[in-house]
Every structure is written in structure tokens, then in C-alpha cells.
Amino acid sequence: MKNTALVLMVLSAFASAASAGPTADRKKREAVDKSLAQGASEVKDCGKTYKISFDWEAFDKIDWSKAENTKEHQIGSETTNVRWVGHDINKLCLDKDYKGPLQKIDNVIYRTTIEMGEKGEGRLRAKVEGKTLTFENRVGGSTRDGGDFATAAKKVL
């Protein structure tokens, strides 16, 4: 019984360490989260607070052997990409035609993907499901900047 408990504890510690990743990866993820939070702090004209998050689970499930960029390259790009999410949400709230639909949203998710959207959607698309607005950014191509997220959101709001 003691051996079984010891094996389970060792396996549990190994699984936790493996999911945490190396320090460099953790620091890059923290930089992405910090950039996203900085952008979220710009949301001041919506009259509400949104939970804005990066979908790390989807990021970790990407088969990087099929992606245009390496995981390391993409995570570096995401720091710049996510900076604009909150900025563009606030930009939309300054327009009364979009502020109303945004009042129905509680969550904003940024997701990296290697899947292509519908023809003509480009590399960034948005979708609304319930009270969640999700931005899906396809790996590869240029980084996002101010206006890109607002343009994508206008198609679904």
C-alpha cells in the first residue's frame, strides 16, 4: 500500500511539473497574460467589466507540426496580438450601435487556432455564443493591431 501511495505521489508530482513547463515558457505565458490585462484595463467606456482571457488550453492542444509558425514564435507574437483586444472592445463601446450588443457579453476569449474560417474571413474571426465573444486568431501572417478586433467583432455583433 505504501508503495502504491508513493508511486501515485511521484506520478502526480511529475504530471504537475510537466504541465507547468520550463521557466522560459512560463515567463512567456505570463507576458501574454500581462499584455492582455493591460489591454483589458483600457475598457472604460462600456459601463461594465468583462472577463477577458487567453485560451491556453486551446493553445496547448495545437498540433504545432501542422502550424505555419513554431509554438515559440507564436507565443512571442501573442504578446503583441492580445494587447489590442481590450482597446478594440472599448473602441466599439464608443459607438452606440455596438455598445448595446456588447452589454449582452460578459466574457471575451482570445484563442489561437490553426483552423481556417469561412472563405473571406481572413486570419482573425469573431463569434458570439451566449454571453461570450471569442476571437480566433489563425497562426501565421502578421501580428494584430488596433482596429483588427473591432473589425472582426462588427461582423458578429
C-alpha atoms as a PDB file:
ATOM      1  CA  MET A   1       0.000   0.000   0.000  1.00  0.00           C
ATOM      2  CA  LYS A   2       2.858   2.400   0.863  1.00  0.00           C
ATOM      3  CA  ASN A   3       4.497   1.683  -2.495  1.00  0.00           C
ATOM      4  CA  THR A   4       1.263   2.435  -4.348  1.00  0.00           C
ATOM      5  CA  ALA A   5       0.870   5.721  -2.494  1.00  0.00           C
ATOM      6  CA  LEU A   6       4.494   6.642  -3.210  1.00  0.00           C
ATOM      7  CA  VAL A   7       4.109   5.827  -6.917  1.00  0.00           C
ATOM      8  CA  LEU A   8       0.937   7.941  -7.096  1.00  0.00           C
ATOM      9  CA  MET A   9       2.677  10.849  -5.360  1.00  0.00           C
ATOM     10  CA  VAL A  10       5.659  10.643  -7.733  1.00  0.00           C
ATOM     11  CA  LEU A  11       3.405  10.418 -10.785  1.00  0.00           C
ATOM     12  CA  SER A  12       1.338  13.328  -9.521  1.00  0.00           C
ATOM     13  CA  ALA A  13       4.437  15.458  -8.983  1.00  0.00           C
ATOM     14  CA  PHE A  14       5.721  14.527 -12.450  1.00  0.00           C
ATOM     15  CA  ALA A  15       2.393  15.394 -14.088  1.00  0.00           C
ATOM     16  CA  SER A  16       2.291  18.742 -12.292  1.00  0.00           C
ATOM     17  CA  ALA A  17       5.853  19.579 -13.313  1.00  0.00           C
ATOM     18  CA  ALA A  18       5.217  18.525 -16.908  1.00  0.00           C
ATOM     19  CA  SER A  19       2.120  20.679 -17.206  1.00  0.00           C
ATOM     20  CA  ALA A  20       3.877  23.697 -15.669  1.00  0.00           C
ATOM     21  CA  GLY A  21       6.559  23.664 -18.377  1.00  0.00           C
ATOM     22  CA  PRO A  22      10.001  25.192 -18.189  1.00  0.00           C
ATOM     23  CA  THR A  23      10.589  28.587 -16.658  1.00  0.00           C
ATOM     24  CA  ALA A  24      11.086  30.274 -20.027  1.00  0.00           C
ATOM     25  CA  ASP A  25       7.699  29.046 -21.261  1.00  0.00           C
ATOM     26  CA  ARG A  26       6.031  30.170 -18.036  1.00  0.00           C
ATOM     27  CA  LYS A  27       7.580  33.628 -18.349  1.00  0.00           C
ATOM     28  CA  LYS A  28       6.361  33.952 -21.942  1.00  0.00           C
ATOM     29  CA  ARG A  29       2.847  32.959 -20.874  1.00  0.00           C
ATOM     30  CA  GLU A  30       2.952  35.477 -18.038  1.00  0.00           C
ATOM     31  CA  ALA A  31       3.986  38.153 -20.552  1.00  0.00           C
ATOM     32  CA  VAL A  32       0.972  37.275 -22.735  1.00  0.00           C
ATOM     33  CA  ASP A  33      -1.385  37.384 -19.750  1.00  0.00           C
ATOM     34  CA  LYS A  34       0.109  40.703 -18.601  1.00  0.00           C
ATOM     35  CA  SER A  35      -0.295  42.220 -22.072  1.00  0.00           C
ATOM     36  CA  LEU A  36      -3.900  41.018 -22.228  1.00  0.00           C
ATOM     37  CA  ALA A  37      -4.572  42.541 -18.794  1.00  0.00           C
ATOM     38  CA  GLN A  38      -3.010  45.853 -19.858  1.00  0.00           C
ATOM     39  CA  GLY A  39      -5.326  45.959 -22.854  1.00  0.00           C
ATOM     40  CA  ALA A  40      -8.306  44.995 -20.697  1.00  0.00           C
ATOM     41  CA  SER A  41      -7.577  47.960 -18.440  1.00  0.00           C
ATOM     42  CA  GLU A  42      -8.455  50.217 -21.387  1.00  0.00           C
ATOM     43  CA  VAL A  43     -12.096  49.117 -21.296  1.00  0.00           C
ATOM     44  CA  LYS A  44     -13.601  52.193 -19.626  1.00  0.00           C
ATOM     45  CA  ASP A  45     -16.495  53.284 -21.826  1.00  0.00           C
ATOM     46  CA  CYS A  46     -18.624  50.141 -21.802  1.00  0.00           C
ATOM     47  CA  GLY A  47     -20.320  50.661 -18.451  1.00  0.00           C
ATOM     48  CA  LYS A  48     -19.381  47.158 -17.355  1.00  0.00           C
ATOM     49  CA  THR A  49     -16.445  44.872 -16.737  1.00  0.00           C
ATOM     50  CA  TYR A  50     -15.634  41.922 -18.979  1.00  0.00           C
ATOM     51  CA  LYS A  51     -13.722  38.804 -18.095  1.00  0.00           C
ATOM     52  CA  ILE A  52     -11.063  38.843 -20.827  1.00  0.00           C
ATOM     53  CA  SER A  53      -8.906  35.721 -21.075  1.00  0.00           C
ATOM     54  CA  PHE A  54      -6.443  33.828 -23.243  1.00  0.00           C
ATOM     55  CA  ASP A  55      -7.452  30.253 -24.066  1.00  0.00           C
ATOM     56  CA  TRP A  56      -4.280  28.448 -23.014  1.00  0.00           C
ATOM     57  CA  GLU A  57      -5.997  25.071 -23.250  1.00  0.00           C
ATOM     58  CA  ALA A  58      -6.641  25.575 -26.975  1.00  0.00           C
ATOM     59  CA  PHE A  59      -3.084  26.884 -27.444  1.00  0.00           C
ATOM     60  CA  ASP A  60      -1.649  23.764 -25.823  1.00  0.00           C
ATOM     61  CA  LYS A  61      -3.793  21.444 -27.975  1.00  0.00           C
ATOM     62  CA  ILE A  62      -2.485  22.835 -31.285  1.00  0.00           C
ATOM     63  CA  ASP A  63      -0.545  20.347 -33.375  1.00  0.00           C
ATOM     64  CA  TRP A  64       2.406  22.667 -33.958  1.00  0.00           C
ATOM     65  CA  SER A  65       3.852  20.333 -36.615  1.00  0.00           C
ATOM     66  CA  LYS A  66       0.933  21.447 -38.828  1.00  0.00           C
ATOM     67  CA  ALA A  67       1.145  25.155 -37.972  1.00  0.00           C
ATOM     68  CA  GLU A  68       2.797  27.863 -40.055  1.00  0.00           C
ATOM     69  CA  ASN A  69       4.798  29.099 -37.041  1.00  0.00           C
ATOM     70  CA  THR A  70       6.531  27.300 -34.235  1.00  0.00           C
ATOM     71  CA  LYS A  71       4.976  27.370 -30.790  1.00  0.00           C
ATOM     72  CA  GLU A  72       7.855  29.526 -29.529  1.00  0.00           C
ATOM     73  CA  HIS A  73       7.453  32.054 -32.341  1.00  0.00           C
ATOM     74  CA  GLN A  74       3.681  32.232 -31.934  1.00  0.00           C
ATOM     75  CA  ILE A  75       3.745  32.753 -28.185  1.00  0.00           C
ATOM     76  CA  GLY A  76       6.055  35.714 -28.758  1.00  0.00           C
ATOM     77  CA  SER A  77       3.608  37.169 -31.289  1.00  0.00           C
ATOM     78  CA  GLU A  78       0.662  36.702 -28.937  1.00  0.00           C
ATOM     79  CA  THR A  79       2.094  39.254 -26.502  1.00  0.00           C
ATOM     80  CA  THR A  80       1.570  41.917 -29.172  1.00  0.00           C
ATOM     81  CA  ASN A  81      -1.671  40.468 -30.534  1.00  0.00           C
ATOM     82  CA  VAL A  82      -3.609  40.349 -27.272  1.00  0.00           C
ATOM     83  CA  ARG A  83      -2.639  43.890 -26.309  1.00  0.00           C
ATOM     84  CA  TRP A  84      -5.319  45.191 -28.675  1.00  0.00           C
ATOM     85  CA  VAL A  85      -8.317  43.140 -27.511  1.00  0.00           C
ATOM     86  CA  GLY A  86      -9.386  45.484 -24.698  1.00  0.00           C
ATOM     87  CA  HIS A  87      -8.527  48.558 -26.724  1.00  0.00           C
ATOM     88  CA  ASP A  88     -10.863  47.459 -29.518  1.00  0.00           C
ATOM     89  CA  ILE A  89     -13.668  46.426 -27.129  1.00  0.00           C
ATOM     90  CA  ASN A  90     -13.560  49.933 -25.692  1.00  0.00           C
ATOM     91  CA  LYS A  91     -13.456  51.407 -29.212  1.00  0.00           C
ATOM     92  CA  LEU A  92     -16.655  49.529 -30.042  1.00  0.00           C
ATOM     93  CA  CYS A  93     -18.341  50.802 -26.869  1.00  0.00           C
ATOM     94  CA  LEU A  94     -17.764  54.352 -28.060  1.00  0.00           C
ATOM     95  CA  ASP A  95     -20.147  53.558 -30.933  1.00  0.00           C
ATOM     96  CA  LYS A  96     -23.739  53.379 -29.642  1.00  0.00           C
ATOM     97  CA  ASP A  97     -24.635  50.822 -32.311  1.00  0.00           C
ATOM     98  CA  TYR A  98     -22.124  48.327 -30.854  1.00  0.00           C
ATOM     99  CA  LYS A  99     -22.293  49.317 -27.195  1.00  0.00           C
ATOM    100  CA  GLY A 100     -25.799  47.832 -26.927  1.00  0.00           C
ATOM    101  CA  PRO A 101     -24.850  44.368 -28.193  1.00  0.00           C
ATOM    102  CA  LEU A 102     -21.711  44.415 -26.034  1.00  0.00           C
ATOM    103  CA  GLN A 103     -23.891  44.852 -22.945  1.00  0.00           C
ATOM    104  CA  LYS A 104     -25.057  41.268 -23.516  1.00  0.00           C
ATOM    105  CA  ILE A 105     -21.444  39.997 -23.397  1.00  0.00           C
ATOM    106  CA  ASP A 106     -19.749  39.034 -20.129  1.00  0.00           C
ATOM    107  CA  ASN A 107     -16.709  37.107 -21.362  1.00  0.00           C
ATOM    108  CA  VAL A 108     -14.177  37.819 -24.078  1.00  0.00           C
ATOM    109  CA  ILE A 109     -11.850  34.990 -25.077  1.00  0.00           C
ATOM    110  CA  TYR A 110      -8.778  35.161 -27.293  1.00  0.00           C
ATOM    111  CA  ARG A 111      -7.989  31.810 -28.913  1.00  0.00           C
ATOM    112  CA  THR A 112      -5.106  30.796 -31.156  1.00  0.00           C
ATOM    113  CA  THR A 113      -6.015  28.296 -33.874  1.00  0.00           C
ATOM    114  CA  ILE A 114      -4.610  26.640 -36.978  1.00  0.00           C
ATOM    115  CA  GLU A 115      -8.084  26.079 -38.406  1.00  0.00           C
ATOM    116  CA  MET A 116      -9.261  28.225 -41.286  1.00  0.00           C
ATOM    117  CA  GLY A 117     -12.569  30.003 -41.119  1.00  0.00           C
ATOM    118  CA  GLU A 118     -15.032  30.534 -43.904  1.00  0.00           C
ATOM    119  CA  LYS A 119     -13.701  31.819 -47.197  1.00  0.00           C
ATOM    120  CA  GLY A 120     -13.006  35.531 -46.925  1.00  0.00           C
ATOM    121  CA  GLU A 121     -12.825  35.557 -43.100  1.00  0.00           C
ATOM    122  CA  GLY A 122      -9.087  36.035 -43.079  1.00  0.00           C
ATOM    123  CA  ARG A 123      -6.889  35.086 -40.187  1.00  0.00           C
ATOM    124  CA  LEU A 124      -8.941  36.702 -37.415  1.00  0.00           C
ATOM    125  CA  ARG A 125     -12.586  35.897 -36.829  1.00  0.00           C
ATOM    126  CA  ALA A 126     -15.045  36.517 -34.047  1.00  0.00           C
ATOM    127  CA  LYS A 127     -18.067  34.600 -32.870  1.00  0.00           C
ATOM    128  CA  VAL A 128     -20.680  35.077 -30.182  1.00  0.00           C
ATOM    129  CA  GLU A 129     -22.024  32.148 -28.205  1.00  0.00           C
ATOM    130  CA  GLY A 130     -24.354  33.086 -25.391  1.00  0.00           C
ATOM    131  CA  LYS A 131     -22.633  35.767 -23.328  1.00  0.00           C
ATOM    132  CA  THR A 132     -19.178  35.062 -24.747  1.00  0.00           C
ATOM    133  CA  LEU A 133     -17.382  36.857 -27.555  1.00  0.00           C
ATOM    134  CA  THR A 134     -14.500  34.743 -28.852  1.00  0.00           C
ATOM    135  CA  PHE A 135     -11.737  35.947 -31.132  1.00  0.00           C
ATOM    136  CA  GLU A 136      -9.976  33.188 -33.043  1.00  0.00           C
ATOM    137  CA  ASN A 137      -6.624  34.178 -34.476  1.00  0.00           C
ATOM    138  CA  ARG A 138      -5.071  31.849 -37.015  1.00  0.00           C
ATOM    139  CA  VAL A 139      -1.380  31.102 -36.578  1.00  0.00           C
ATOM    140  CA  GLY A 140       0.836  32.767 -39.180  1.00  0.00           C
ATOM    141  CA  GLY A 141       0.741  36.033 -41.023  1.00  0.00           C
ATOM    142  CA  SER A 142       1.189  39.418 -39.453  1.00  0.00           C
ATOM    143  CA  THR A 143       0.520  40.394 -35.882  1.00  0.00           C
ATOM    144  CA  ARG A 144      -2.733  42.108 -34.908  1.00  0.00           C
ATOM    145  CA  ASP A 145      -3.026  45.762 -34.106  1.00  0.00           C
ATOM    146  CA  GLY A 146      -5.595  48.370 -33.135  1.00  0.00           C
ATOM    147  CA  GLY A 147      -8.780  48.001 -35.137  1.00  0.00           C
ATOM    148  CA  ASP A 148      -8.383  44.345 -36.131  1.00  0.00           C
ATOM    149  CA  PHE A 149     -10.505  43.011 -33.259  1.00  0.00           C
ATOM    150  CA  ALA A 150     -13.131  45.725 -33.690  1.00  0.00           C
ATOM    151  CA  THR A 151     -13.415  44.865 -37.397  1.00  0.00           C
ATOM    152  CA  ALA A 152     -13.847  41.159 -36.620  1.00  0.00           C
ATOM    153  CA  ALA A 153     -16.398  41.838 -33.842  1.00  0.00           C
ATOM    154  CA  LYS A 154     -18.507  44.127 -36.033  1.00  0.00           C
ATOM    155  CA  LYS A 155     -19.255  41.119 -38.254  1.00  0.00           C
ATOM    156  CA  VAL A 156     -20.972  39.255 -35.410  1.00  0.00           C
ATOM    157  CA  LEU A 157     -22.417  41.952 -33.134  1.00  0.00           C
END
